[in-house]
Protein backbone atom coordinates (compact mmCIF):
# COMPACT_ATOMS: atom_id res chain seq x y z
CA MET A 1 2.78 19.67 3.05
CA SER A 2 4.48 16.80 4.94
CA ASN A 3 4.30 13.16 3.83
CA GLN A 4 2.03 12.44 6.78
CA GLN A 5 -0.42 15.18 5.83
CA LYS A 6 -0.36 14.13 2.18
CA ALA A 7 -1.10 10.50 3.10
CA VAL A 8 -4.00 11.46 5.38
CA LYS A 9 -5.46 13.75 2.71
CA THR A 10 -5.24 10.90 0.19
CA ILE A 11 -7.10 8.54 2.53
CA TYR A 12 -9.92 11.05 2.95
CA PHE A 13 -10.16 11.14 -0.84
CA SER A 14 -10.41 7.33 -0.92
CA LEU A 15 -12.93 7.23 1.90
CA LEU A 16 -15.32 9.69 0.25
CA GLY A 17 -15.07 7.89 -3.09
CA ASN A 18 -15.73 4.48 -1.53
CA ILE A 19 -18.82 5.72 0.32
CA LEU A 20 -20.33 7.22 -2.83
CA LEU A 21 -19.54 4.18 -4.98
CA ALA A 22 -20.90 1.68 -2.45
CA ILE A 23 -24.24 3.54 -2.47
CA ILE A 24 -24.34 3.89 -6.28
CA LYS A 25 -23.39 0.25 -6.91
CA GLY A 26 -25.85 -1.09 -4.34
CA ILE A 27 -28.81 0.89 -5.70
CA ALA A 28 -27.94 0.21 -9.35
CA GLY A 29 -27.38 -3.49 -8.65
CA VAL A 30 -30.75 -3.99 -6.95
CA ILE A 31 -32.78 -1.93 -9.44
CA GLY A 32 -30.88 -3.23 -12.47
CA ASN A 33 -31.02 -6.95 -11.48
CA SER A 34 -27.22 -7.21 -11.46
CA TYR A 35 -25.76 -9.53 -8.84
CA ALA A 36 -22.26 -8.59 -10.01
CA LEU A 37 -22.97 -4.95 -9.16
CA VAL A 38 -24.34 -5.94 -5.76
CA ALA A 39 -21.15 -7.97 -5.16
CA ASP A 40 -19.16 -4.93 -6.26
CA ALA A 41 -21.08 -2.84 -3.71
CA ILE A 42 -20.12 -5.33 -0.99
CA GLU A 43 -16.45 -4.88 -1.83
CA SER A 44 -16.77 -1.09 -1.83
CA THR A 45 -18.39 -1.31 1.61
CA SER A 46 -15.42 -3.30 2.88
CA ASP A 47 -13.20 -0.66 1.28
CA ILE A 48 -14.83 1.98 3.52
CA PHE A 49 -13.84 0.12 6.67
CA SER A 50 -10.34 -0.64 5.37
CA SER A 51 -9.81 3.04 4.51
CA LEU A 52 -10.86 3.95 8.05
CA LEU A 53 -8.29 1.48 9.39
CA VAL A 54 -5.58 2.94 7.18
CA LEU A 55 -6.53 6.42 8.38
CA PHE A 56 -6.23 5.27 12.00
CA GLY A 57 -2.85 3.68 11.27
CA LEU A 58 -1.50 6.82 9.62
CA LYS A 59 -2.58 9.02 12.51
CA TYR A 60 -1.20 6.60 15.11
CA ALA A 61 2.11 6.26 13.24
CA LYS A 62 2.47 10.04 13.52
CA LYS A 63 2.97 9.79 17.29
CA PRO A 64 6.55 10.71 18.24
CA ALA A 65 9.03 8.25 19.69
CA ASP A 66 8.76 7.65 23.43
CA GLU A 67 10.44 5.56 26.12
CA ASN A 68 8.60 2.39 25.13
CA HIS A 69 8.84 3.04 21.38
CA PRO A 70 12.28 4.58 20.75
CA TYR A 71 11.93 4.08 16.98
CA GLY A 72 8.47 5.65 16.86
CA HIS A 73 5.11 4.04 16.09
CA GLY A 74 5.53 3.44 12.36
CA LYS A 75 5.18 -0.36 12.58
CA ILE A 76 1.43 0.16 13.01
CA GLU A 77 1.27 0.74 9.22
CA PRO A 78 2.04 -2.83 8.08
CA LEU A 79 -0.20 -4.13 10.88
CA MET A 80 -3.07 -2.07 9.45
CA THR A 81 -2.14 -3.43 6.02
CA PHE A 82 -2.62 -6.98 7.35
CA ILE A 83 -6.11 -6.07 8.53
CA VAL A 84 -6.88 -4.49 5.15
CA VAL A 85 -5.84 -7.78 3.53
CA VAL A 86 -8.24 -9.62 5.85
CA PHE A 87 -11.04 -7.32 4.64
CA LEU A 88 -10.10 -8.05 1.03
CA VAL A 89 -10.10 -11.81 1.57
CA ALA A 90 -13.37 -11.64 3.51
CA SER A 91 -15.06 -9.65 0.75
CA ALA A 92 -13.77 -12.14 -1.85
CA ILE A 93 -15.22 -15.04 0.14
CA ILE A 94 -18.59 -13.28 0.50
CA ILE A 95 -18.68 -12.48 -3.22
CA SER A 96 -17.76 -16.08 -4.12
CA TYR A 97 -20.45 -17.50 -1.85
CA LYS A 98 -23.16 -15.18 -3.17
CA SER A 99 -22.10 -15.80 -6.76
CA ILE A 100 -22.34 -19.57 -6.36
CA ILE A 101 -25.79 -19.23 -4.77
CA ASN A 102 -26.97 -16.87 -7.51
CA ILE A 103 -25.66 -19.13 -10.29
CA GLN A 104 -27.99 -21.82 -8.99
CA THR A 105 -30.93 -19.40 -8.69
CA PRO A 106 -32.94 -18.36 -11.78
CA HIS A 107 -33.15 -14.59 -12.16
CA LYS A 108 -33.75 -11.87 -14.73
CA VAL A 109 -31.20 -10.58 -17.22
CA PRO A 110 -29.45 -7.43 -15.86
CA GLN A 111 -30.63 -4.08 -17.22
CA ALA A 112 -28.51 -2.74 -20.08
CA TRP A 113 -28.18 0.70 -18.49
CA THR A 114 -26.09 -0.80 -15.69
CA LEU A 115 -23.25 -1.00 -18.24
CA TYR A 116 -23.07 2.81 -18.32
CA ILE A 117 -22.89 2.90 -14.52
CA LEU A 118 -20.08 0.37 -14.56
CA GLY A 119 -18.20 2.26 -17.27
CA VAL A 120 -18.10 5.39 -15.12
CA ILE A 121 -17.15 3.35 -12.03
CA ILE A 122 -14.26 1.62 -13.83
CA LEU A 123 -12.90 4.96 -15.04
CA TRP A 124 -13.20 6.55 -11.59
CA LYS A 125 -11.59 3.60 -9.81
CA GLU A 126 -8.63 3.50 -12.18
CA ILE A 127 -8.10 7.24 -11.72
CA SER A 128 -8.34 6.77 -7.95
CA TYR A 129 -5.79 3.94 -8.10
CA ARG A 130 -3.29 6.08 -10.00
CA ILE A 131 -3.71 9.03 -7.60
CA VAL A 132 -3.33 6.90 -4.46
CA ILE A 133 -0.45 4.74 -5.76
CA HIS A 134 1.39 7.91 -6.85
CA ASN A 135 1.03 9.38 -3.35
CA SER A 136 1.99 6.07 -1.72
CA LEU A 137 5.30 6.15 -3.61
CA LYS A 138 5.88 9.81 -2.72
CA THR A 139 5.10 9.29 0.97
CA ASN A 140 6.67 5.80 1.21
CA SER A 141 3.52 4.47 2.90
CA SER A 142 2.80 0.71 2.73
CA SER A 143 -0.76 1.10 4.03
CA LEU A 144 -1.47 3.77 1.41
CA LYS A 145 -0.19 1.34 -1.21
CA ALA A 146 -2.62 -1.26 0.14
CA ASP A 147 -5.45 1.25 -0.19
CA ALA A 148 -4.38 1.95 -3.78
CA TRP A 149 -4.61 -1.74 -4.61
CA HIS A 150 -8.09 -1.72 -3.13
CA HIS A 151 -9.03 0.75 -5.88
CA ARG A 152 -7.36 -1.40 -8.54
CA SER A 153 -9.08 -4.59 -7.34
CA ASP A 154 -12.38 -2.70 -7.32
CA ALA A 155 -11.74 -1.60 -10.90
CA LEU A 156 -10.98 -5.19 -11.91
CA THR A 157 -14.17 -6.54 -10.30
CA SER A 158 -16.12 -3.83 -12.11
CA VAL A 159 -14.49 -4.83 -15.42
CA ALA A 160 -15.49 -8.44 -14.76
CA ALA A 161 -19.02 -7.33 -13.93
CA PHE A 162 -19.13 -5.23 -17.12
CA ILE A 163 -18.12 -8.21 -19.25
CA GLY A 164 -20.60 -10.49 -17.51
CA ILE A 165 -23.51 -8.07 -17.88
CA LEU A 166 -22.57 -7.38 -21.51
CA ILE A 167 -22.71 -11.12 -22.26
CA ALA A 168 -26.03 -11.52 -20.45
CA VAL A 169 -27.61 -8.51 -22.17
CA THR A 170 -26.28 -9.38 -25.63
CA LEU A 171 -27.01 -13.12 -25.64
CA GLY A 172 -30.22 -12.93 -23.59
CA ASP A 173 -32.06 -16.01 -22.26
CA GLY A 174 -29.79 -18.74 -20.98
CA TYR A 175 -27.00 -16.32 -20.14
CA GLU A 176 -28.60 -14.61 -17.12
CA ASN A 177 -25.87 -16.01 -14.86
CA ALA A 178 -23.00 -14.48 -16.84
CA ASP A 179 -22.58 -11.60 -14.40
CA ASP A 180 -22.57 -14.07 -11.48
CA TRP A 181 -19.72 -15.97 -13.12
CA ALA A 182 -17.97 -12.65 -13.66
CA ALA A 183 -18.32 -11.84 -9.95
CA LEU A 184 -16.91 -15.28 -9.09
CA ILE A 185 -13.88 -14.69 -11.32
CA ALA A 186 -13.45 -11.23 -9.80
CA SER A 187 -13.24 -12.75 -6.31
CA GLY A 188 -10.20 -14.74 -7.46
CA ILE A 189 -8.62 -11.52 -8.73
CA ILE A 190 -9.22 -9.93 -5.32
CA ILE A 191 -7.46 -12.83 -3.56
CA PHE A 192 -4.46 -12.46 -5.87
CA ASN A 193 -4.25 -8.72 -5.19
CA ALA A 194 -4.56 -9.38 -1.46
CA TYR A 195 -1.40 -11.47 -1.64
CA LYS A 196 0.42 -8.72 -3.56
CA ILE A 197 -0.46 -6.30 -0.75
CA PHE A 198 0.36 -8.75 2.04
CA ARG A 199 3.83 -9.80 0.82
CA PRO A 200 5.71 -6.46 1.12
CA ALA A 201 3.96 -5.65 4.43
CA LEU A 202 5.18 -8.99 5.81
CA GLY A 203 8.69 -8.14 4.66
CA GLU A 204 8.44 -4.82 6.48
CA ILE A 205 7.38 -6.48 9.74
CA MET A 206 10.16 -9.07 9.41
CA ASP A 207 12.78 -6.39 8.56
CA GLU A 208 13.44 -8.16 5.28
CA HIS A 209 16.20 -6.69 3.10
CA ARG A 210 14.47 -4.97 0.16
CA TYR A 211 16.39 -1.69 -0.10
CA ASP A 212 19.40 -2.11 -2.40
CA ASP A 213 18.74 1.17 -4.23
CA LEU A 214 18.47 3.11 -0.99
CA ILE A 215 21.71 1.57 0.31
CA LYS A 216 23.50 2.68 -2.87
CA GLU A 217 22.17 6.20 -2.36
CA ILE A 218 23.30 6.22 1.29
CA ARG A 219 26.80 5.07 0.37
CA LYS A 220 27.01 7.69 -2.37
CA VAL A 221 26.09 10.47 0.06
CA ALA A 222 28.37 9.12 2.80
CA ILE A 223 31.54 8.95 0.71
CA ASN A 224 31.27 12.69 -0.03
CA VAL A 225 31.19 13.65 3.65
CA PRO A 226 34.57 15.11 4.77
CA GLY A 227 36.49 12.56 6.83
CA VAL A 228 34.57 9.51 5.61
CA MET A 229 36.92 7.21 3.68
CA GLY A 230 34.38 4.54 2.85
CA THR A 231 31.48 2.48 4.15
CA GLU A 232 31.09 -1.13 5.20
CA LYS A 233 27.91 -2.71 6.57
CA CYS A 234 24.63 -0.95 5.96
CA PHE A 235 21.37 -2.30 7.38
CA ILE A 236 17.95 -0.79 6.76
CA ARG A 237 14.54 -1.47 8.27
CA LYS A 238 11.34 0.33 7.48
CA ALA A 239 8.81 1.64 10.00
CA GLY A 240 5.87 3.59 8.63
CA MET A 241 7.09 6.16 6.14
CA GLN A 242 10.67 6.20 7.42
CA HIS A 243 13.73 3.99 6.98
CA HIS A 244 15.97 3.43 9.98
CA VAL A 245 19.66 2.94 9.14
CA ASP A 246 22.65 1.25 10.76
CA LEU A 247 25.78 2.27 8.87
CA HIS A 248 29.45 1.40 9.41
CA ALA A 249 31.67 4.25 8.19
CA ARG A 250 35.45 4.06 7.73
CA VAL A 251 37.61 6.95 8.94
CA ASN A 252 41.33 7.53 9.40
CA GLY A 253 42.43 5.24 12.24
CA ASP A 254 44.95 7.79 13.53
CA ILE A 255 42.45 10.54 14.41
CA SER A 256 41.13 11.11 17.92
CA VAL A 257 37.89 9.67 19.28
CA THR A 258 36.52 13.21 19.44
CA LYS A 259 37.24 13.80 15.76
CA GLY A 260 35.65 10.47 14.84
CA HIS A 261 32.59 11.45 16.87
CA GLU A 262 32.35 14.76 15.00
CA ILE A 263 32.56 12.97 11.64
CA SER A 264 29.79 10.56 12.63
CA HIS A 265 27.49 13.48 13.55
CA LEU A 266 28.31 15.29 10.32
CA LEU A 267 27.56 12.10 8.38
CA LYS A 268 24.25 11.63 10.18
CA ASP A 269 23.19 15.24 9.61
CA THR A 270 24.16 15.05 5.93
CA LEU A 271 22.17 11.85 5.38
CA HIS A 272 19.10 13.39 7.01
CA HIS A 273 19.45 16.47 4.81
CA LYS A 274 20.06 14.62 1.54
CA ILE A 275 17.57 11.77 2.12
CA PRO A 276 14.61 13.21 4.07
CA ASN A 277 12.72 9.91 4.50
CA LEU A 278 15.43 8.49 6.78
CA GLY A 279 14.48 8.15 10.43
CA HIS A 280 16.86 6.96 13.15
CA ILE A 281 20.46 6.70 11.92
CA LEU A 282 23.12 4.84 13.88
CA ILE A 283 26.70 5.44 12.71
CA HIS A 284 29.40 2.96 13.73
CA ILE A 285 32.93 4.25 13.14
CA GLU A 286 35.49 1.78 11.72
CA PRO A 287 39.23 2.67 11.74
CA PHE A 288 40.99 2.66 8.37
CA TYR A 289 44.78 2.57 8.03
CA GLN A 290 46.06 3.32 4.55
CA ASN A 291 49.50 1.76 4.99
CA THR A 292 48.40 -1.51 6.66
CA SER A 293 45.92 -4.30 6.07
CA LEU A 294 43.93 -3.40 9.20
């Protein structure tokens, strides 16, 4: 199964889970008098739309390179990540607003059985986070990583709701608003996670240097290619699930242009074979003279 197929399959898993949880949280929140659960349901609903956006981005990024997009369509991934962040921030604002309103509105203590619902939700969301984050690392997908953090933020809001409801149920009258305060705190956690998702996606759009380990691996592979005597500059930029590379390789300055051309192709083919997630590779040949300072 290719990275693309694995990422799409993972998003379908997230999408189905978010739909089911949004329904369960919404019903349990209304019946169980828990505003924190209702707020949680709102976030899960936003997760449905964000997962759909990630799915669209993954499918669009799969399109092959063309005349107008010689490096492919992978940059759509961080753009989709930005939109996912907007959904996260929007859901946090909605939750904050509703929490503040509910804190000022007298209401009943949440039902104790909602704690069992939340316990199952927390467990499921943490499992979902670990599955999606694992696949995001395997596929090198920034938008999949954003979706994983959606699961983690959802788990954190559910933990906050659990604590708030537990306080309200245990202490009784006078503490009915505990789950509303928990939802308000959870909205701050969501904002923080939104930033953690946004920052690497911004770096990807700006072609920020964040790939020291990959550069070391590229140099290690390159130096073992016959004819390559060393490497100089190495620039990397990420697009979707692939890294595009500009590499300066040093070869014997006395060989012919044809021989240097053959070495560059061998180097490119070897890098593609040894490091499958590399996309476009540009090799620049630098002459190296052993007996001079050139």
